């Protein structure tokens, strides 16, 4: 599996103007790597205005916790229990293409500031 930073660099260096180009980029990666990209983008989207991940504690449900680990499968799930099916990945990338850089920056910033090791993602 590729490190998430390599995947993010590849993603942000490509123009995903339509579903076809997104599908072509995704076809270069394993399903696990595709899950990592989709999950990183969606985590970043939810943390644009934050400098750290929203953490689980007694007062807040938080973003990660015992039942929601920091994982490349957080949003997508994995076979046979998909939450987002792989057939939808290209559509998600192309629909978010205008903001992908912002989402990726937020994901990296919050992971770093929250002490998460991206090598474990």
N, C-alpha and C. Protein backbone atom coordinates (compact mmCIF):
# COMPACT_ATOMS: atom_id res chain seq x y z
N UNK A 1 0.84 -1.18 0.00
CA UNK A 1 0.00 0.00 0.00
C UNK A 1 0.88 1.24 0.00
N UNK A 2 0.44 2.23 -0.71
CA UNK A 2 1.18 3.49 -0.77
C UNK A 2 0.87 4.35 0.44
N UNK A 3 1.83 5.14 0.82
CA UNK A 3 1.66 6.08 1.92
C UNK A 3 0.66 7.15 1.48
N UNK A 4 -0.17 7.60 2.40
CA UNK A 4 -1.21 8.57 2.08
C UNK A 4 -0.62 9.86 1.50
N UNK A 5 0.56 10.27 1.93
CA UNK A 5 1.14 11.51 1.40
C UNK A 5 1.46 11.37 -0.09
N UNK A 6 1.95 10.22 -0.51
CA UNK A 6 2.21 10.01 -1.94
C UNK A 6 0.90 10.08 -2.71
N UNK A 7 -0.14 9.45 -2.17
CA UNK A 7 -1.44 9.47 -2.84
C UNK A 7 -1.98 10.89 -2.94
N UNK A 8 -1.83 11.66 -1.87
CA UNK A 8 -2.32 13.05 -1.89
C UNK A 8 -1.55 13.88 -2.89
N UNK A 9 -0.23 13.72 -2.94
CA UNK A 9 0.56 14.47 -3.93
C UNK A 9 0.11 14.11 -5.34
N UNK A 10 -0.05 12.83 -5.62
CA UNK A 10 -0.53 12.42 -6.94
C UNK A 10 -1.90 13.03 -7.24
N UNK A 11 -2.78 13.00 -6.26
CA UNK A 11 -4.12 13.52 -6.45
C UNK A 11 -4.11 15.02 -6.73
N UNK A 12 -3.37 15.77 -5.93
CA UNK A 12 -3.38 17.23 -6.08
C UNK A 12 -2.60 17.69 -7.31
N UNK A 13 -1.78 16.84 -7.87
CA UNK A 13 -1.05 17.18 -9.10
C UNK A 13 -1.84 16.86 -10.36
N UNK A 14 -3.04 16.33 -10.21
CA UNK A 14 -3.88 15.98 -11.36
C UNK A 14 -5.12 16.85 -11.40
N UNK A 15 -5.59 17.12 -12.59
CA UNK A 15 -6.83 17.85 -12.78
C UNK A 15 -7.95 16.83 -12.96
N UNK A 16 -8.94 16.91 -12.09
CA UNK A 16 -10.04 15.95 -12.13
C UNK A 16 -11.31 16.65 -12.59
N UNK A 17 -11.28 17.11 -13.81
CA UNK A 17 -12.38 17.93 -14.33
C UNK A 17 -13.66 17.14 -14.60
N UNK A 18 -13.53 15.84 -14.71
CA UNK A 18 -14.73 15.03 -14.98
C UNK A 18 -14.54 13.64 -14.37
N UNK A 19 -15.60 12.90 -14.37
CA UNK A 19 -15.57 11.57 -13.77
C UNK A 19 -14.59 10.65 -14.50
N UNK A 20 -14.45 10.83 -15.80
CA UNK A 20 -13.53 10.00 -16.57
C UNK A 20 -12.09 10.17 -16.09
N UNK A 21 -11.64 11.42 -15.90
CA UNK A 21 -10.26 11.65 -15.45
C UNK A 21 -10.07 11.15 -14.02
N UNK A 22 -11.09 11.30 -13.18
CA UNK A 22 -11.01 10.79 -11.81
C UNK A 22 -10.90 9.26 -11.83
N UNK A 23 -11.69 8.63 -12.67
CA UNK A 23 -11.65 7.16 -12.79
C UNK A 23 -10.29 6.70 -13.28
N UNK A 24 -9.73 7.41 -14.25
CA UNK A 24 -8.42 7.05 -14.78
C UNK A 24 -7.35 7.13 -13.69
N UNK A 25 -7.39 8.19 -12.88
CA UNK A 25 -6.43 8.32 -11.78
C UNK A 25 -6.61 7.18 -10.77
N UNK A 26 -7.84 6.94 -10.37
CA UNK A 26 -8.11 5.89 -9.39
C UNK A 26 -7.70 4.51 -9.88
N UNK A 27 -7.77 4.29 -11.18
CA UNK A 27 -7.44 2.96 -11.72
C UNK A 27 -5.97 2.61 -11.52
N UNK A 28 -5.15 3.60 -11.19
CA UNK A 28 -3.72 3.36 -10.94
C UNK A 28 -3.47 2.80 -9.54
N UNK A 29 -4.51 2.78 -8.70
CA UNK A 29 -4.34 2.41 -7.30
C UNK A 29 -5.19 1.21 -6.92
N UNK A 30 -4.76 0.54 -5.87
CA UNK A 30 -5.55 -0.56 -5.32
C UNK A 30 -6.81 -0.01 -4.67
N UNK A 31 -7.76 -0.86 -4.39
CA UNK A 31 -8.98 -0.44 -3.70
C UNK A 31 -8.63 0.16 -2.34
N UNK A 32 -7.67 -0.42 -1.62
CA UNK A 32 -7.27 0.11 -0.32
C UNK A 32 -6.74 1.53 -0.44
N UNK A 33 -5.95 1.79 -1.47
CA UNK A 33 -5.42 3.13 -1.69
C UNK A 33 -6.53 4.10 -2.08
N UNK A 34 -7.47 3.64 -2.87
CA UNK A 34 -8.61 4.47 -3.24
C UNK A 34 -9.42 4.84 -2.00
N UNK A 35 -9.62 3.88 -1.11
CA UNK A 35 -10.34 4.15 0.15
C UNK A 35 -9.61 5.22 0.95
N UNK A 36 -8.29 5.13 1.01
CA UNK A 36 -7.50 6.11 1.75
C UNK A 36 -7.71 7.51 1.19
N UNK A 37 -7.68 7.65 -0.12
CA UNK A 37 -7.89 8.97 -0.74
C UNK A 37 -9.28 9.52 -0.43
N UNK A 38 -10.29 8.73 -0.63
CA UNK A 38 -11.66 9.19 -0.40
C UNK A 38 -11.84 9.57 1.07
N UNK A 39 -11.37 8.74 1.97
CA UNK A 39 -11.52 9.02 3.40
C UNK A 39 -10.75 10.27 3.80
N UNK A 40 -9.52 10.44 3.30
CA UNK A 40 -8.74 11.63 3.63
C UNK A 40 -9.46 12.90 3.15
N UNK A 41 -10.01 12.86 1.96
CA UNK A 41 -10.73 14.02 1.43
C UNK A 41 -11.95 14.35 2.29
N UNK A 42 -12.70 13.34 2.66
CA UNK A 42 -13.91 13.58 3.45
C UNK A 42 -13.59 14.02 4.88
N UNK A 43 -12.53 13.49 5.46
CA UNK A 43 -12.09 13.96 6.78
C UNK A 43 -11.65 15.42 6.67
N UNK A 44 -10.86 15.72 5.64
CA UNK A 44 -10.41 17.10 5.43
C UNK A 44 -11.57 18.06 5.24
N UNK A 45 -12.55 17.65 4.46
CA UNK A 45 -13.74 18.47 4.22
C UNK A 45 -14.41 18.84 5.55
N UNK A 46 -14.48 17.88 6.44
CA UNK A 46 -15.16 18.10 7.72
C UNK A 46 -14.31 18.88 8.72
N UNK A 47 -13.04 19.13 8.38
CA UNK A 47 -12.13 19.81 9.31
C UNK A 47 -11.49 21.07 8.69
N UNK A 48 -12.10 21.63 7.67
CA UNK A 48 -11.52 22.80 7.01
C UNK A 48 -11.22 23.93 8.00
N UNK A 49 -12.11 24.16 8.92
CA UNK A 49 -11.97 25.30 9.85
C UNK A 49 -11.26 24.92 11.14
N UNK A 50 -10.72 23.73 11.21
CA UNK A 50 -10.06 23.26 12.43
C UNK A 50 -8.56 23.13 12.22
N UNK A 51 -7.84 23.19 13.32
CA UNK A 51 -6.40 22.93 13.29
C UNK A 51 -6.06 21.57 13.88
N UNK A 52 -7.02 20.96 14.55
CA UNK A 52 -6.87 19.62 15.11
C UNK A 52 -8.15 18.86 14.84
N UNK A 53 -8.04 17.54 14.86
CA UNK A 53 -9.24 16.72 14.72
C UNK A 53 -10.11 16.89 15.95
N UNK A 54 -11.40 16.86 15.74
CA UNK A 54 -12.36 16.90 16.84
C UNK A 54 -12.25 15.55 17.54
N UNK A 55 -11.86 15.58 18.81
CA UNK A 55 -11.57 14.35 19.53
C UNK A 55 -12.76 13.87 20.36
N UNK A 56 -12.78 12.58 20.61
CA UNK A 56 -13.79 11.95 21.45
C UNK A 56 -13.44 12.20 22.91
N UNK A 57 -14.41 12.66 23.68
CA UNK A 57 -14.27 12.73 25.13
C UNK A 57 -15.65 12.62 25.76
N UNK A 58 -15.74 12.81 27.07
CA UNK A 58 -17.01 12.65 27.77
C UNK A 58 -18.07 13.65 27.31
N UNK A 59 -17.64 14.83 26.86
CA UNK A 59 -18.58 15.90 26.53
C UNK A 59 -18.94 15.96 25.05
N UNK A 60 -18.11 15.45 24.21
CA UNK A 60 -18.40 15.50 22.78
C UNK A 60 -18.26 14.11 22.17
N UNK A 61 -19.02 13.86 21.16
CA UNK A 61 -18.89 12.59 20.45
C UNK A 61 -17.57 12.56 19.71
N UNK A 62 -17.14 13.70 19.20
CA UNK A 62 -15.87 13.76 18.51
C UNK A 62 -15.90 13.10 17.15
N UNK A 63 -14.79 13.16 16.51
CA UNK A 63 -14.69 12.62 15.16
C UNK A 63 -14.15 11.20 15.17
N UNK A 64 -13.13 10.97 15.97
CA UNK A 64 -12.55 9.64 16.12
C UNK A 64 -12.79 9.18 17.54
N UNK A 65 -12.88 7.93 17.72
CA UNK A 65 -13.10 7.37 19.05
C UNK A 65 -13.03 5.86 18.99
N UNK A 66 -13.43 5.22 20.06
CA UNK A 66 -13.34 3.76 20.11
C UNK A 66 -14.06 3.06 18.95
N UNK A 67 -15.19 3.57 18.55
CA UNK A 67 -15.93 2.92 17.46
C UNK A 67 -15.64 3.54 16.10
N UNK A 68 -14.84 4.60 16.05
CA UNK A 68 -14.48 5.27 14.79
C UNK A 68 -12.98 5.53 14.78
N UNK A 69 -12.16 4.53 14.52
CA UNK A 69 -10.71 4.73 14.56
C UNK A 69 -10.21 5.54 13.36
N UNK A 70 -9.04 6.15 13.54
CA UNK A 70 -8.36 6.87 12.47
C UNK A 70 -7.88 5.82 11.47
N UNK A 71 -8.61 5.69 10.38
CA UNK A 71 -8.37 4.60 9.45
C UNK A 71 -8.75 5.01 8.03
N UNK A 72 -8.07 4.43 7.06
CA UNK A 72 -8.38 4.71 5.66
C UNK A 72 -9.74 4.19 5.25
N UNK A 73 -10.37 3.41 6.10
CA UNK A 73 -11.70 2.86 5.79
C UNK A 73 -12.82 3.53 6.57
N UNK A 74 -12.52 4.62 7.27
CA UNK A 74 -13.50 5.27 8.13
C UNK A 74 -14.80 5.59 7.41
N UNK A 75 -14.71 6.18 6.23
CA UNK A 75 -15.90 6.54 5.48
C UNK A 75 -16.35 5.45 4.52
N UNK A 76 -15.41 4.79 3.89
CA UNK A 76 -15.77 3.88 2.80
C UNK A 76 -16.21 2.51 3.28
N UNK A 77 -15.70 2.09 4.44
CA UNK A 77 -15.88 0.69 4.81
C UNK A 77 -14.97 -0.14 3.91
N UNK A 78 -15.20 -1.44 3.88
CA UNK A 78 -14.44 -2.30 2.97
C UNK A 78 -15.26 -3.56 2.72
N UNK A 79 -14.87 -4.30 1.71
CA UNK A 79 -15.66 -5.47 1.28
C UNK A 79 -15.82 -6.43 2.44
N UNK A 80 -16.95 -7.01 2.62
CA UNK A 80 -18.17 -6.88 1.84
C UNK A 80 -19.12 -5.79 2.38
N UNK A 81 -18.67 -5.06 3.39
CA UNK A 81 -19.54 -4.08 4.05
C UNK A 81 -19.19 -2.64 3.67
N UNK A 82 -19.39 -2.30 2.41
CA UNK A 82 -19.09 -0.95 1.93
C UNK A 82 -20.11 0.05 2.47
N UNK A 83 -19.62 1.21 2.90
CA UNK A 83 -20.50 2.34 3.20
C UNK A 83 -20.57 3.25 1.97
N UNK A 84 -19.45 3.36 1.29
CA UNK A 84 -19.39 4.03 -0.02
C UNK A 84 -18.81 2.99 -0.97
N UNK A 85 -19.53 2.67 -1.99
CA UNK A 85 -19.08 1.64 -2.93
C UNK A 85 -17.98 2.18 -3.85
N UNK A 86 -16.99 1.36 -4.19
CA UNK A 86 -15.91 1.80 -5.07
C UNK A 86 -16.38 2.42 -6.38
N UNK A 87 -17.53 1.99 -6.87
CA UNK A 87 -18.06 2.56 -8.12
C UNK A 87 -18.39 4.04 -7.96
N UNK A 88 -18.52 4.51 -6.73
CA UNK A 88 -18.86 5.91 -6.47
C UNK A 88 -17.63 6.80 -6.28
N UNK A 89 -16.45 6.21 -6.14
CA UNK A 89 -15.25 6.98 -5.82
C UNK A 89 -14.94 8.05 -6.87
N UNK A 90 -14.99 7.71 -8.14
CA UNK A 90 -14.67 8.68 -9.19
C UNK A 90 -15.65 9.85 -9.17
N UNK A 91 -16.89 9.56 -8.95
CA UNK A 91 -17.90 10.62 -8.87
C UNK A 91 -17.63 11.55 -7.69
N UNK A 92 -17.23 10.99 -6.57
CA UNK A 92 -16.90 11.81 -5.40
C UNK A 92 -15.72 12.71 -5.70
N UNK A 93 -14.66 12.15 -6.29
CA UNK A 93 -13.48 12.96 -6.62
C UNK A 93 -13.82 14.08 -7.59
N UNK A 94 -14.54 13.77 -8.65
CA UNK A 94 -14.84 14.80 -9.64
C UNK A 94 -15.77 15.87 -9.07
N UNK A 95 -16.70 15.49 -8.20
CA UNK A 95 -17.62 16.47 -7.63
C UNK A 95 -16.92 17.39 -6.63
N UNK A 96 -15.80 16.96 -6.08
CA UNK A 96 -15.08 17.76 -5.09
C UNK A 96 -13.79 18.35 -5.66
N UNK A 97 -13.63 18.27 -6.97
CA UNK A 97 -12.36 18.66 -7.59
C UNK A 97 -11.95 20.10 -7.30
N UNK A 98 -12.90 21.01 -7.19
CA UNK A 98 -12.55 22.42 -6.93
C UNK A 98 -11.96 22.63 -5.54
N UNK A 99 -12.24 21.73 -4.62
CA UNK A 99 -11.81 21.91 -3.24
C UNK A 99 -10.84 20.84 -2.74
N UNK A 100 -10.41 19.96 -3.61
CA UNK A 100 -9.56 18.84 -3.17
C UNK A 100 -8.30 19.33 -2.47
N UNK A 101 -7.64 20.35 -2.99
CA UNK A 101 -6.41 20.84 -2.35
C UNK A 101 -6.69 21.33 -0.93
N UNK A 102 -7.79 22.05 -0.75
CA UNK A 102 -8.17 22.57 0.56
C UNK A 102 -8.46 21.41 1.52
N UNK A 103 -9.19 20.41 1.04
CA UNK A 103 -9.52 19.26 1.88
C UNK A 103 -8.27 18.49 2.28
N UNK A 104 -7.36 18.30 1.34
CA UNK A 104 -6.12 17.58 1.64
C UNK A 104 -5.25 18.35 2.63
N UNK A 105 -5.16 19.67 2.45
CA UNK A 105 -4.40 20.50 3.39
C UNK A 105 -4.98 20.40 4.79
N UNK A 106 -6.30 20.44 4.91
CA UNK A 106 -6.95 20.34 6.22
C UNK A 106 -6.68 18.98 6.86
N UNK A 107 -6.75 17.93 6.07
CA UNK A 107 -6.48 16.58 6.58
C UNK A 107 -5.06 16.49 7.12
N UNK A 108 -4.08 16.94 6.36
CA UNK A 108 -2.68 16.87 6.77
C UNK A 108 -2.44 17.75 8.00
N UNK A 109 -2.94 18.98 7.98
CA UNK A 109 -2.77 19.91 9.10
C UNK A 109 -3.33 19.32 10.40
N UNK A 110 -4.56 18.84 10.34
CA UNK A 110 -5.20 18.31 11.55
C UNK A 110 -4.53 17.03 12.04
N UNK A 111 -4.11 16.17 11.12
CA UNK A 111 -3.41 14.94 11.52
C UNK A 111 -2.12 15.30 12.23
N UNK A 112 -1.36 16.22 11.65
CA UNK A 112 -0.09 16.63 12.25
C UNK A 112 -0.32 17.27 13.62
N UNK A 113 -1.23 18.22 13.71
CA UNK A 113 -1.47 18.94 14.96
C UNK A 113 -2.13 18.08 16.03
N UNK A 114 -2.77 17.00 15.63
CA UNK A 114 -3.42 16.10 16.58
C UNK A 114 -2.53 14.94 16.99
N UNK A 115 -1.34 14.87 16.38
CA UNK A 115 -0.39 13.82 16.74
C UNK A 115 -0.66 12.47 16.09
N UNK A 116 -1.42 12.46 15.00
CA UNK A 116 -1.68 11.21 14.30
C UNK A 116 -0.54 10.92 13.33
N UNK A 117 -0.13 9.68 13.27
CA UNK A 117 0.94 9.25 12.38
C UNK A 117 0.33 8.86 11.04
N UNK A 118 0.62 9.62 10.01
CA UNK A 118 0.05 9.34 8.69
C UNK A 118 0.58 8.03 8.10
N UNK A 119 1.69 7.52 8.63
CA UNK A 119 2.17 6.21 8.17
C UNK A 119 1.22 5.10 8.59
N UNK A 120 0.39 5.37 9.59
CA UNK A 120 -0.57 4.37 10.07
C UNK A 120 -1.93 4.50 9.39
N UNK A 121 -2.06 5.41 8.47
CA UNK A 121 -3.35 5.64 7.82
C UNK A 121 -3.49 4.76 6.60
